Amino acid sequence: MVRCPNCGQKTSGDYYCQYCKYPIPRGSTKRRRKVEKQAEKEAKL
């Protein structure tokens, strides 16, 4: 599962968030973790 960079929800969607339909960036695990951390920070604001 990855965290959506738009809404911050954990999603199992492969190409888009199942909640807000935002496209999920595909790439390396390192990039996904970076996007997840950024989404967590934005969700706290």
Protein backbone atom coordinates (compact mmCIF):
# COMPACT_ATOMS: atom_id res chain seq x y z
CA MET A 1 0.00 0.00 0.00
CA VAL A 2 1.10 3.52 -0.70
CA ARG A 3 -0.12 6.83 0.64
CA CYS A 4 -1.79 9.13 -1.87
CA PRO A 5 0.14 12.41 -2.28
CA ASN A 6 -3.15 14.25 -2.86
CA CYS A 7 -5.53 13.10 -0.10
CA GLY A 8 -3.14 11.26 2.22
CA GLN A 9 -5.19 8.05 2.36
CA LYS A 10 -3.47 4.68 2.16
CA THR A 11 -4.46 3.15 -1.13
CA SER A 12 -3.93 -0.16 -2.86
CA GLY A 13 -4.72 1.36 -6.24
CA ASP A 14 -2.00 0.62 -8.76
CA TYR A 15 -2.32 3.65 -11.01
CA TYR A 16 -4.66 6.00 -9.15
CA CYS A 17 -5.98 6.56 -5.63
CA GLN A 18 -9.13 4.57 -4.97
CA TYR A 19 -10.49 7.46 -2.88
CA CYS A 20 -9.79 10.65 -4.83
CA LYS A 21 -8.71 9.17 -8.21
CA TYR A 22 -5.38 11.07 -8.09
CA PRO A 23 -2.73 9.35 -10.26
CA ILE A 24 -0.22 7.45 -8.12
CA PRO A 25 3.37 8.00 -9.20
CA ARG A 26 5.02 4.77 -10.25
CA GLY A 27 8.68 4.25 -9.65
CA SER A 28 11.23 2.91 -7.29
CA THR A 29 10.44 2.11 -3.69
CA LYS A 30 12.70 4.97 -2.63
CA ARG A 31 10.65 7.46 -4.66
CA ARG A 32 7.38 6.07 -3.29
CA ARG A 33 8.62 6.44 0.28
CA LYS A 34 9.60 10.03 -0.44
CA VAL A 35 6.13 10.75 -1.83
CA GLU A 36 4.52 9.05 1.19
CA LYS A 37 6.55 11.15 3.63
CA GLN A 38 5.61 14.32 1.78
CA ALA A 39 1.93 13.33 1.83
CA GLU A 40 2.11 12.67 5.58
CA LYS A 41 3.60 16.12 6.18
CA GLU A 42 0.92 17.78 4.04
CA ALA A 43 -1.86 15.80 5.76
CA LYS A 44 -0.72 17.14 9.15
CA LEU A 45 -1.09 20.74 7.97
